[in-house]
Amino acid sequence: MDIVVATNNNNKYREIVSILNFKQSRVLSLKDIDFNDKIIEDGQTYYDNARKKAQAIREKIQDKIILADDSGLEISALNNAPGVISARYLNGLSQKEKNAEIIKKLEKIDKLKRNAKFLCVVCLIMPDGESHFFNGVCEGHIAEEIQGERGFGYDPIFIPSGFLKTFGVLSEDIKNTISHRAIAFTRAKNFIVRSGLLE
């Protein structure tokens, strides 16, 4: 049984494949199934966007397990921005510039008030069309400077609770155990395994 993951982002795809770690099933990206439709993520919540992506793929493919997620970074001192628009936040800037701008916005904020969290919602559609949702949260805070080049997105400015370095510095093994995406996709994987479709 093949699994389709709703992403064309190579970094994200590799991360999800590593988290799922299915030995006897292929995990396919949108490129692998020649899915080129533009999906506008205009939902009000992570659930809305994850569902929208999964359903768009389901309309074209019915014989595979479909996994779609939406995630975001919420920073307390910025009224939980960028939130659900994390991917489109500060449009026009590169990701490195976005990270630098967030650091700048928080430069006068006390260390103890730089709380932030990553959130992820996964929509799973089974071959029979049944939908299920799984969420993951990783608490932490925003660093005072950009650290590291691992990961992608906001990883170089986010320090998870219990650690002193950002996801941009920490190893993939650590990130793929404690991150918001790791938690949500592991919950989805466990459900799939319990269903008996995959091992």
N, C-alpha and C. Protein backbone atom coordinates (compact mmCIF):
# COMPACT_ATOMS: atom_id res chain seq x y z
N MET A 1 0.85 -1.19 0.00
CA MET A 1 0.00 0.00 0.00
C MET A 1 0.88 1.24 0.00
N ASP A 2 0.76 2.06 -1.03
CA ASP A 2 1.54 3.30 -1.11
C ASP A 2 0.91 4.40 -0.25
N ILE A 3 1.77 5.32 0.19
CA ILE A 3 1.34 6.49 0.95
C ILE A 3 1.73 7.73 0.15
N VAL A 4 0.82 8.66 0.02
CA VAL A 4 1.11 9.92 -0.64
C VAL A 4 1.18 11.02 0.41
N VAL A 5 2.28 11.75 0.43
CA VAL A 5 2.46 12.87 1.34
C VAL A 5 2.31 14.16 0.54
N ALA A 6 1.45 15.04 1.01
CA ALA A 6 1.10 16.25 0.26
C ALA A 6 2.16 17.34 0.37
N THR A 7 3.29 17.11 -0.29
CA THR A 7 4.31 18.16 -0.32
C THR A 7 5.20 18.02 -1.54
N ASN A 8 5.71 19.16 -2.01
CA ASN A 8 6.73 19.20 -3.04
C ASN A 8 8.05 19.70 -2.47
N ASN A 9 8.05 19.99 -1.18
CA ASN A 9 9.23 20.48 -0.49
C ASN A 9 10.15 19.29 -0.16
N ASN A 10 11.31 19.25 -0.80
CA ASN A 10 12.19 18.10 -0.62
C ASN A 10 12.64 17.91 0.82
N ASN A 11 12.94 19.02 1.51
CA ASN A 11 13.36 18.92 2.91
C ASN A 11 12.25 18.35 3.78
N LYS A 12 11.06 18.86 3.58
CA LYS A 12 9.91 18.38 4.36
C LYS A 12 9.60 16.93 4.03
N TYR A 13 9.70 16.58 2.75
CA TYR A 13 9.43 15.19 2.33
C TYR A 13 10.41 14.23 3.01
N ARG A 14 11.69 14.54 2.99
CA ARG A 14 12.68 13.66 3.62
C ARG A 14 12.43 13.54 5.11
N GLU A 15 12.04 14.64 5.72
CA GLU A 15 11.75 14.62 7.16
C GLU A 15 10.59 13.69 7.47
N ILE A 16 9.53 13.80 6.69
CA ILE A 16 8.34 12.97 6.93
C ILE A 16 8.64 11.50 6.67
N VAL A 17 9.39 11.20 5.61
CA VAL A 17 9.77 9.81 5.31
C VAL A 17 10.55 9.22 6.49
N SER A 18 11.46 10.02 7.05
CA SER A 18 12.25 9.55 8.19
C SER A 18 11.37 9.32 9.41
N ILE A 19 10.39 10.18 9.62
CA ILE A 19 9.49 10.03 10.77
C ILE A 19 8.62 8.79 10.61
N LEU A 20 8.03 8.61 9.44
CA LEU A 20 7.14 7.47 9.21
C LEU A 20 7.90 6.15 9.25
N ASN A 21 9.06 6.11 8.60
CA ASN A 21 9.94 4.95 8.65
C ASN A 21 9.21 3.63 8.33
N PHE A 22 8.39 3.64 7.30
CA PHE A 22 7.75 2.41 6.85
C PHE A 22 8.74 1.64 5.97
N LYS A 23 9.01 0.40 6.34
CA LYS A 23 10.02 -0.39 5.64
C LYS A 23 9.50 -1.04 4.37
N GLN A 24 8.22 -1.36 4.33
CA GLN A 24 7.70 -2.15 3.22
C GLN A 24 6.68 -1.39 2.38
N SER A 25 6.64 -0.09 2.49
CA SER A 25 5.69 0.70 1.71
C SER A 25 6.40 1.92 1.13
N ARG A 26 5.99 2.32 -0.04
CA ARG A 26 6.55 3.51 -0.66
C ARG A 26 5.85 4.75 -0.13
N VAL A 27 6.63 5.77 0.21
CA VAL A 27 6.07 7.06 0.59
C VAL A 27 6.35 8.01 -0.57
N LEU A 28 5.29 8.47 -1.21
CA LEU A 28 5.40 9.25 -2.43
C LEU A 28 5.14 10.73 -2.17
N SER A 29 5.87 11.59 -2.87
CA SER A 29 5.60 13.02 -2.82
C SER A 29 4.63 13.38 -3.94
N LEU A 30 4.21 14.63 -3.98
CA LEU A 30 3.32 15.06 -5.05
C LEU A 30 4.02 14.96 -6.40
N LYS A 31 5.31 15.18 -6.42
CA LYS A 31 6.06 15.05 -7.67
C LYS A 31 6.00 13.61 -8.18
N ASP A 32 6.05 12.66 -7.27
CA ASP A 32 6.06 11.25 -7.65
C ASP A 32 4.76 10.82 -8.31
N ILE A 33 3.66 11.50 -7.99
CA ILE A 33 2.36 11.13 -8.58
C ILE A 33 1.92 12.13 -9.64
N ASP A 34 2.85 13.02 -10.03
CA ASP A 34 2.57 14.03 -11.06
C ASP A 34 1.36 14.90 -10.71
N PHE A 35 1.27 15.26 -9.44
CA PHE A 35 0.20 16.15 -8.99
C PHE A 35 0.75 17.57 -9.04
N ASN A 36 0.23 18.37 -9.96
CA ASN A 36 0.76 19.71 -10.18
C ASN A 36 -0.26 20.82 -9.89
N ASP A 37 -1.43 20.44 -9.40
CA ASP A 37 -2.46 21.45 -9.13
C ASP A 37 -2.00 22.39 -8.01
N LYS A 38 -2.33 23.66 -8.16
CA LYS A 38 -2.02 24.64 -7.12
C LYS A 38 -3.13 24.60 -6.07
N ILE A 39 -2.75 24.31 -4.84
CA ILE A 39 -3.72 24.27 -3.74
C ILE A 39 -3.56 25.55 -2.92
N ILE A 40 -4.58 26.37 -2.90
CA ILE A 40 -4.54 27.63 -2.15
C ILE A 40 -4.86 27.35 -0.69
N GLU A 41 -3.88 27.59 0.18
CA GLU A 41 -4.08 27.32 1.61
C GLU A 41 -4.66 28.57 2.27
N ASP A 42 -5.95 28.76 2.09
CA ASP A 42 -6.62 29.96 2.60
C ASP A 42 -7.54 29.68 3.77
N GLY A 43 -7.36 28.53 4.41
CA GLY A 43 -8.20 28.19 5.55
C GLY A 43 -7.91 29.05 6.76
N GLN A 44 -8.86 29.10 7.67
CA GLN A 44 -8.71 29.88 8.90
C GLN A 44 -7.94 29.13 9.98
N THR A 45 -7.81 27.82 9.80
CA THR A 45 -7.13 26.99 10.80
C THR A 45 -6.20 26.00 10.11
N TYR A 46 -5.32 25.41 10.90
CA TYR A 46 -4.43 24.36 10.38
C TYR A 46 -5.27 23.18 9.89
N TYR A 47 -6.34 22.89 10.61
CA TYR A 47 -7.23 21.79 10.21
C TYR A 47 -7.81 22.05 8.83
N ASP A 48 -8.26 23.27 8.59
CA ASP A 48 -8.86 23.62 7.29
C ASP A 48 -7.88 23.35 6.15
N ASN A 49 -6.65 23.82 6.32
CA ASN A 49 -5.67 23.70 5.26
C ASN A 49 -5.22 22.25 5.04
N ALA A 50 -5.04 21.51 6.14
CA ALA A 50 -4.65 20.11 6.01
C ALA A 50 -5.74 19.32 5.29
N ARG A 51 -6.99 19.57 5.66
CA ARG A 51 -8.12 18.89 5.02
C ARG A 51 -8.19 19.24 3.54
N LYS A 52 -8.02 20.50 3.24
CA LYS A 52 -8.13 20.96 1.84
C LYS A 52 -7.10 20.27 0.97
N LYS A 53 -5.87 20.19 1.45
CA LYS A 53 -4.81 19.54 0.67
C LYS A 53 -5.09 18.06 0.48
N ALA A 54 -5.49 17.39 1.56
CA ALA A 54 -5.76 15.95 1.47
C ALA A 54 -6.91 15.65 0.52
N GLN A 55 -7.96 16.45 0.60
CA GLN A 55 -9.12 16.21 -0.25
C GLN A 55 -8.82 16.48 -1.72
N ALA A 56 -7.96 17.46 -1.99
CA ALA A 56 -7.59 17.76 -3.38
C ALA A 56 -6.88 16.56 -4.01
N ILE A 57 -6.04 15.90 -3.23
CA ILE A 57 -5.34 14.72 -3.74
C ILE A 57 -6.30 13.55 -3.86
N ARG A 58 -7.17 13.42 -2.89
CA ARG A 58 -8.15 12.33 -2.90
C ARG A 58 -9.04 12.37 -4.14
N GLU A 59 -9.33 13.55 -4.65
CA GLU A 59 -10.16 13.68 -5.83
C GLU A 59 -9.51 13.02 -7.06
N LYS A 60 -8.19 12.90 -7.02
CA LYS A 60 -7.48 12.32 -8.16
C LYS A 60 -6.98 10.91 -7.90
N ILE A 61 -6.77 10.57 -6.64
CA ILE A 61 -6.23 9.25 -6.29
C ILE A 61 -7.05 8.65 -5.16
N GLN A 62 -7.61 7.47 -5.40
CA GLN A 62 -8.46 6.84 -4.39
C GLN A 62 -7.87 5.55 -3.80
N ASP A 63 -6.80 5.05 -4.37
CA ASP A 63 -6.32 3.73 -3.94
C ASP A 63 -5.09 3.79 -3.04
N LYS A 64 -4.80 4.97 -2.50
CA LYS A 64 -3.62 5.10 -1.64
C LYS A 64 -3.98 5.80 -0.33
N ILE A 65 -3.10 5.64 0.64
CA ILE A 65 -3.23 6.38 1.90
C ILE A 65 -2.70 7.79 1.64
N ILE A 66 -3.44 8.80 2.06
CA ILE A 66 -3.05 10.19 1.83
C ILE A 66 -2.79 10.89 3.16
N LEU A 67 -1.65 11.57 3.24
CA LEU A 67 -1.30 12.34 4.44
C LEU A 67 -0.99 13.78 4.03
N ALA A 68 -1.71 14.72 4.60
CA ALA A 68 -1.47 16.13 4.33
C ALA A 68 -1.40 16.87 5.66
N ASP A 69 -0.47 17.80 5.75
CA ASP A 69 -0.37 18.54 7.01
C ASP A 69 -0.32 20.03 6.78
N ASP A 70 -0.64 20.75 7.82
CA ASP A 70 -0.40 22.19 7.84
C ASP A 70 0.23 22.49 9.19
N SER A 71 1.18 23.38 9.18
CA SER A 71 1.87 23.68 10.43
C SER A 71 2.22 25.15 10.48
N GLY A 72 2.59 25.59 11.66
CA GLY A 72 2.93 27.00 11.81
C GLY A 72 3.66 27.26 13.11
N LEU A 73 4.25 28.44 13.17
CA LEU A 73 4.95 28.91 14.36
C LEU A 73 4.11 30.00 15.01
N GLU A 74 3.88 29.87 16.30
CA GLU A 74 3.12 30.88 17.03
C GLU A 74 4.00 31.48 18.12
N ILE A 75 4.17 32.79 18.06
CA ILE A 75 5.05 33.51 19.00
C ILE A 75 4.20 34.37 19.92
N SER A 76 4.26 34.11 21.21
CA SER A 76 3.39 34.79 22.18
C SER A 76 3.51 36.30 22.09
N ALA A 77 4.73 36.83 22.04
CA ALA A 77 4.94 38.27 22.06
C ALA A 77 4.46 38.95 20.79
N LEU A 78 4.18 38.18 19.75
CA LEU A 78 3.66 38.74 18.49
C LEU A 78 2.20 38.37 18.29
N ASN A 79 1.48 38.20 19.40
CA ASN A 79 0.06 37.83 19.35
C ASN A 79 -0.16 36.55 18.55
N ASN A 80 0.75 35.59 18.74
CA ASN A 80 0.71 34.27 18.11
C ASN A 80 0.96 34.29 16.60
N ALA A 81 1.48 35.42 16.09
CA ALA A 81 1.92 35.44 14.69
C ALA A 81 3.24 34.64 14.60
N PRO A 82 3.56 34.12 13.42
CA PRO A 82 2.81 34.18 12.17
C PRO A 82 1.64 33.22 12.07
N GLY A 83 1.60 32.20 12.90
CA GLY A 83 0.44 31.33 12.97
C GLY A 83 0.12 30.59 11.68
N VAL A 84 -1.18 30.55 11.36
CA VAL A 84 -1.64 29.75 10.22
C VAL A 84 -1.11 30.27 8.89
N ILE A 85 -0.62 31.51 8.87
CA ILE A 85 -0.05 32.04 7.62
C ILE A 85 1.49 31.99 7.65
N SER A 86 2.04 31.10 8.44
CA SER A 86 3.50 31.03 8.59
C SER A 86 4.24 30.94 7.26
N ALA A 87 3.72 30.16 6.32
CA ALA A 87 4.39 30.00 5.03
C ALA A 87 4.33 31.27 4.19
N ARG A 88 3.31 32.10 4.45
CA ARG A 88 3.13 33.32 3.65
C ARG A 88 3.46 34.59 4.43
N TYR A 89 3.91 34.43 5.64
CA TYR A 89 4.24 35.56 6.51
C TYR A 89 5.39 36.37 5.91
N LEU A 90 5.26 37.70 5.94
CA LEU A 90 6.28 38.59 5.39
C LEU A 90 6.60 38.24 3.94
N ASN A 91 5.54 38.06 3.17
CA ASN A 91 5.69 37.71 1.76
C ASN A 91 6.66 38.64 1.05
N GLY A 92 7.45 38.08 0.19
CA GLY A 92 8.42 38.87 -0.55
C GLY A 92 9.82 38.75 0.01
N LEU A 93 9.92 38.27 1.27
CA LEU A 93 11.23 38.06 1.88
C LEU A 93 11.64 36.60 1.76
N SER A 94 12.93 36.38 1.70
CA SER A 94 13.44 35.01 1.74
C SER A 94 13.23 34.47 3.15
N GLN A 95 13.35 33.15 3.32
CA GLN A 95 13.16 32.58 4.66
C GLN A 95 14.21 33.12 5.63
N LYS A 96 15.43 33.29 5.15
CA LYS A 96 16.47 33.82 6.03
C LYS A 96 16.13 35.24 6.45
N GLU A 97 15.58 36.02 5.53
CA GLU A 97 15.18 37.40 5.86
C GLU A 97 14.00 37.41 6.83
N LYS A 98 13.08 36.48 6.66
CA LYS A 98 11.95 36.37 7.59
C LYS A 98 12.45 36.07 9.00
N ASN A 99 13.36 35.12 9.09
CA ASN A 99 13.90 34.76 10.41
C ASN A 99 14.60 35.95 11.05
N ALA A 100 15.36 36.70 10.25
CA ALA A 100 16.06 37.87 10.77
C ALA A 100 15.08 38.94 11.21
N GLU A 101 13.99 39.10 10.48
CA GLU A 101 12.99 40.11 10.82
C GLU A 101 12.29 39.77 12.13
N ILE A 102 12.02 38.48 12.35
CA ILE A 102 11.40 38.08 13.61
C ILE A 102 12.35 38.34 14.77
N ILE A 103 13.61 38.00 14.60
CA ILE A 103 14.62 38.30 15.63
C ILE A 103 14.62 39.79 15.95
N LYS A 104 14.55 40.62 14.92
CA LYS A 104 14.55 42.07 15.10
C LYS A 104 13.31 42.54 15.86
N LYS A 105 12.15 41.98 15.51
CA LYS A 105 10.90 42.36 16.18
C LYS A 105 10.96 42.05 17.68
N LEU A 106 11.75 41.04 18.05
CA LEU A 106 11.78 40.60 19.44
C LEU A 106 13.01 41.09 20.20
N GLU A 107 13.81 41.96 19.58
CA GLU A 107 15.09 42.33 20.19
C GLU A 107 14.95 43.03 21.54
N LYS A 108 13.81 43.66 21.80
CA LYS A 108 13.61 44.33 23.08
C LYS A 108 12.76 43.52 24.05
N ILE A 109 12.44 42.30 23.63
CA ILE A 109 11.63 41.42 24.48
C ILE A 109 12.53 40.61 25.40
N ASP A 110 12.19 40.60 26.69
CA ASP A 110 12.96 39.86 27.68
C ASP A 110 13.05 38.38 27.32
N LYS A 111 14.18 37.76 27.65
CA LYS A 111 14.40 36.35 27.35
C LYS A 111 13.25 35.46 27.83
N LEU A 112 12.69 35.81 28.97
CA LEU A 112 11.65 34.97 29.57
C LEU A 112 10.29 35.16 28.90
N LYS A 113 10.21 36.11 27.97
CA LYS A 113 8.94 36.38 27.33
C LYS A 113 8.98 36.11 25.81
N ARG A 114 9.90 35.23 25.42
CA ARG A 114 10.05 34.91 24.00
C ARG A 114 9.44 33.55 23.68
N ASN A 115 8.44 33.18 24.48
CA ASN A 115 7.80 31.87 24.31
C ASN A 115 7.21 31.71 22.91
N ALA A 116 7.31 30.50 22.40
CA ALA A 116 6.77 30.20 21.08
C ALA A 116 6.45 28.71 21.02
N LYS A 117 5.71 28.34 20.01
CA LYS A 117 5.45 26.92 19.81
C LYS A 117 5.20 26.64 18.34
N PHE A 118 5.61 25.47 17.93
CA PHE A 118 5.31 24.96 16.61
C PHE A 118 4.08 24.06 16.73
N LEU A 119 3.16 24.17 15.79
CA LEU A 119 1.97 23.32 15.77
C LEU A 119 1.86 22.64 14.42
N CYS A 120 1.35 21.43 14.42
CA CYS A 120 1.14 20.69 13.17
C CYS A 120 -0.16 19.90 13.27
N VAL A 121 -0.94 19.94 12.20
CA VAL A 121 -2.14 19.12 12.10
C VAL A 121 -2.03 18.27 10.83
N VAL A 122 -2.21 16.97 10.99
CA VAL A 122 -2.16 16.04 9.86
C VAL A 122 -3.57 15.54 9.56
N CYS A 123 -3.93 15.59 8.30
CA CYS A 123 -5.19 14.98 7.84
C CYS A 123 -4.83 13.69 7.12
N LEU A 124 -5.37 12.60 7.60
CA LEU A 124 -5.16 11.29 7.00
C LEU A 124 -6.45 10.85 6.31
N ILE A 125 -6.36 10.51 5.03
CA ILE A 125 -7.50 9.93 4.33
C ILE A 125 -7.13 8.51 3.94
N MET A 126 -7.91 7.57 4.45
CA MET A 126 -7.68 6.16 4.17
C MET A 126 -8.23 5.80 2.79
N PRO A 127 -7.84 4.66 2.23
CA PRO A 127 -8.33 4.27 0.90
C PRO A 127 -9.85 4.20 0.79
N ASP A 128 -10.53 3.95 1.91
CA ASP A 128 -12.00 3.89 1.88
C ASP A 128 -12.63 5.29 1.95
N GLY A 129 -11.80 6.33 2.03
CA GLY A 129 -12.31 7.70 2.06
C GLY A 129 -12.50 8.27 3.45
N GLU A 130 -12.27 7.47 4.48
CA GLU A 130 -12.46 7.93 5.85
C GLU A 130 -11.33 8.88 6.25
N SER A 131 -11.69 10.01 6.88
CA SER A 131 -10.69 11.02 7.28
C SER A 131 -10.44 10.99 8.78
N HIS A 132 -9.21 11.27 9.15
CA HIS A 132 -8.82 11.35 10.55
C HIS A 132 -7.81 12.48 10.72
N PHE A 133 -7.79 13.09 11.90
CA PHE A 133 -6.87 14.19 12.16
C PHE A 133 -5.98 13.88 13.36
N PHE A 134 -4.73 14.34 13.28
CA PHE A 134 -3.77 14.13 14.35
C PHE A 134 -2.96 15.42 14.52
N ASN A 135 -2.73 15.81 15.76
CA ASN A 135 -2.02 17.06 15.97
C ASN A 135 -0.75 16.87 16.79
N GLY A 136 0.15 17.81 16.66
CA GLY A 136 1.38 17.78 17.43
C GLY A 136 1.78 19.19 17.80
N VAL A 137 2.33 19.37 18.99
CA VAL A 137 2.78 20.68 19.46
C VAL A 137 4.18 20.53 20.04
N CYS A 138 5.04 21.48 19.71
CA CYS A 138 6.39 21.52 20.30
C CYS A 138 6.59 22.90 20.91
N GLU A 139 6.70 22.94 22.22
CA GLU A 139 6.87 24.20 22.94
C GLU A 139 8.35 24.61 22.94
N GLY A 140 8.58 25.91 23.03
CA GLY A 140 9.95 26.39 23.09
C GLY A 140 10.00 27.90 23.16
N HIS A 141 11.05 28.48 22.64
CA HIS A 141 11.16 29.94 22.61
C HIS A 141 12.03 30.37 21.42
N ILE A 142 11.98 31.66 21.11
CA ILE A 142 12.73 32.19 19.99
C ILE A 142 14.14 32.59 20.43
N ALA A 143 15.12 32.16 19.67
CA ALA A 143 16.52 32.47 19.96
C ALA A 143 16.78 33.97 19.78
N GLU A 144 17.90 34.42 20.31
CA GLU A 144 18.28 35.83 20.17
C GLU A 144 19.05 36.09 18.87
N GLU A 145 19.43 35.01 18.21
CA GLU A 145 20.10 35.13 16.93
C GLU A 145 19.86 33.85 16.12
N ILE A 146 20.01 33.94 14.82
CA ILE A 146 19.84 32.77 13.96
C ILE A 146 20.96 31.79 14.26
N GLN A 147 20.58 30.52 14.43
CA GLN A 147 21.56 29.48 14.77
C GLN A 147 21.40 28.28 13.83
N GLY A 148 22.46 27.96 13.11
CA GLY A 148 22.50 26.73 12.34
C GLY A 148 21.80 26.80 10.99
N GLU A 149 22.04 25.75 10.21
CA GLU A 149 21.47 25.68 8.87
C GLU A 149 20.75 24.36 8.62
N ARG A 150 20.55 23.59 9.67
CA ARG A 150 19.80 22.34 9.51
C ARG A 150 18.32 22.66 9.36
N GLY A 151 17.57 21.66 8.96
CA GLY A 151 16.12 21.83 8.87
C GLY A 151 15.74 22.83 7.79
N PHE A 152 14.63 23.52 8.02
CA PHE A 152 14.14 24.49 7.05
C PHE A 152 13.15 25.41 7.75
N GLY A 153 12.67 26.40 7.02
CA GLY A 153 11.69 27.32 7.60
C GLY A 153 12.24 28.08 8.80
N TYR A 154 11.48 28.04 9.89
CA TYR A 154 11.84 28.79 11.09
C TYR A 154 12.73 28.00 12.05
N ASP A 155 13.20 26.84 11.63
CA ASP A 155 14.02 26.00 12.50
C ASP A 155 15.23 26.73 13.10
N PRO A 156 15.93 27.60 12.35
CA PRO A 156 17.14 28.24 12.91
C PRO A 156 16.88 29.28 13.99
N ILE A 157 15.61 29.61 14.27
CA ILE A 157 15.35 30.58 15.33
C ILE A 157 14.52 29.99 16.47
N PHE A 158 14.18 28.70 16.38
CA PHE A 158 13.32 28.09 17.40
C PHE A 158 14.11 27.11 18.26
N ILE A 159 14.11 27.38 19.57
CA ILE A 159 14.78 26.50 20.53
C ILE A 159 13.71 25.71 21.28
N PRO A 160 13.65 24.39 21.10
CA PRO A 160 12.63 23.59 21.79
C PRO A 160 12.91 23.51 23.29
N SER A 161 11.86 23.40 24.07
CA SER A 161 11.99 23.31 25.52
C SER A 161 12.92 22.16 25.91
N GLY A 162 13.79 22.42 26.88
CA GLY A 162 14.71 21.41 27.34
C GLY A 162 16.03 21.39 26.59
N PHE A 163 16.17 22.26 25.60
CA PHE A 163 17.41 22.32 24.81
C PHE A 163 17.96 23.75 24.80
N LEU A 164 19.23 23.88 24.44
CA LEU A 164 19.88 25.18 24.40
C LEU A 164 20.14 25.65 22.98
N LYS A 165 19.89 24.80 22.01
CA LYS A 165 20.16 25.12 20.61
C LYS A 165 18.87 25.02 19.79
N THR A 166 18.88 25.69 18.64
CA THR A 166 17.70 25.67 17.76
C THR A 166 17.64 24.37 16.97
N PHE A 167 16.49 24.18 16.32
CA PHE A 167 16.35 23.04 15.41
C PHE A 167 17.33 23.16 14.24
N GLY A 168 17.84 24.36 14.01
CA GLY A 168 18.83 24.56 12.96
C GLY A 168 20.18 23.98 13.31
N VAL A 169 20.38 23.67 14.59
CA VAL A 169 21.64 23.10 15.08
C VAL A 169 21.47 21.65 15.51
N LEU A 170 20.36 21.34 16.16
CA LEU A 170 20.13 20.00 16.67
C LEU A 170 20.09 18.97 15.55
N SER A 171 20.43 17.74 15.86
CA SER A 171 20.47 16.68 14.85
C SER A 171 19.07 16.33 14.34
N GLU A 172 19.03 15.74 13.17
CA GLU A 172 17.76 15.30 12.61
C GLU A 172 17.11 14.27 13.52
N ASP A 173 17.91 13.40 14.12
CA ASP A 173 17.35 12.37 15.00
C ASP A 173 16.59 12.99 16.16
N ILE A 174 17.15 14.05 16.73
CA ILE A 174 16.47 14.71 17.85
C ILE A 174 15.20 15.40 17.34
N LYS A 175 15.34 16.17 16.27
CA LYS A 175 14.18 16.90 15.75
C LYS A 175 13.06 15.94 15.38
N ASN A 176 13.40 14.84 14.72
CA ASN A 176 12.38 13.91 14.24
C ASN A 176 11.80 13.04 15.35
N THR A 177 12.19 13.34 16.58
CA THR A 177 11.60 12.67 17.74
C THR A 177 10.69 13.62 18.52
N ILE A 178 11.08 14.90 18.59
CA ILE A 178 10.36 15.82 19.49
C ILE A 178 9.58 16.91 18.78
N SER A 179 9.75 17.07 17.48
CA SER A 179 9.10 18.20 16.79
C SER A 179 7.59 18.02 16.69
N HIS A 180 6.91 19.11 16.42
CA HIS A 180 5.46 19.11 16.20
C HIS A 180 5.09 18.15 15.09
N ARG A 181 5.87 18.16 14.01
CA ARG A 181 5.58 17.30 12.87
C ARG A 181 5.82 15.83 13.23
N ALA A 182 6.88 15.57 14.00
CA ALA A 182 7.18 14.21 14.43
C ALA A 182 6.04 13.64 15.26
N ILE A 183 5.53 14.46 16.17
CA ILE A 183 4.45 14.00 17.05
C ILE A 183 3.19 13.70 16.24
N ALA A 184 2.81 14.62 15.36
CA ALA A 184 1.57 14.46 14.59
C ALA A 184 1.67 13.28 13.62
N PHE A 185 2.78 13.18 12.89
CA PHE A 185 2.91 12.09 11.92
C PHE A 185 3.10 10.73 12.59
N THR A 186 3.72 10.71 13.75
CA THR A 186 3.84 9.44 14.49
C THR A 186 2.46 8.97 14.94
N ARG A 187 1.62 9.89 15.37
CA ARG A 187 0.26 9.52 15.76
C ARG A 187 -0.51 8.98 14.55
N ALA A 188 -0.31 9.61 13.40
CA ALA A 188 -0.97 9.13 12.18
C ALA A 188 -0.44 7.74 11.81
N LYS A 189 0.87 7.56 11.91
CA LYS A 189 1.47 6.26 11.59
C LYS A 189 0.91 5.17 12.50
N ASN A 190 0.83 5.45 13.79
CA ASN A 190 0.32 4.46 14.73
C ASN A 190 -1.11 4.06 14.39
N PHE A 191 -1.92 5.03 13.95
CA PHE A 191 -3.29 4.74 13.56
C PHE A 191 -3.30 3.82 12.33
N ILE A 192 -2.45 4.14 11.37
CA ILE A 192 -2.38 3.32 10.14
C ILE A 192 -1.97 1.89 10.48
N VAL A 193 -0.99 1.74 11.37
CA VAL A 193 -0.54 0.42 11.76
C VAL A 193 -1.65 -0.35 12.47
N ARG A 194 -2.36 0.35 13.36
CA ARG A 194 -3.46 -0.31 14.07
C ARG A 194 -4.59 -0.73 13.13
N SER A 195 -4.70 -0.02 12.01
CA SER A 195 -5.75 -0.36 11.04
C SER A 195 -5.47 -1.68 10.33
N GLY A 196 -4.20 -2.11 10.38
CA GLY A 196 -3.81 -3.37 9.75
C GLY A 196 -3.40 -3.25 8.30
N LEU A 197 -3.44 -2.02 7.74
CA LEU A 197 -3.07 -1.83 6.34
C LEU A 197 -1.57 -1.92 6.13
N LEU A 198 -0.80 -1.44 7.10
CA LEU A 198 0.65 -1.42 6.97
C LEU A 198 1.28 -1.87 8.29
N GLU A 199 2.53 -2.24 8.18
CA GLU A 199 3.28 -2.63 9.37
C GLU A 199 4.41 -1.63 9.62
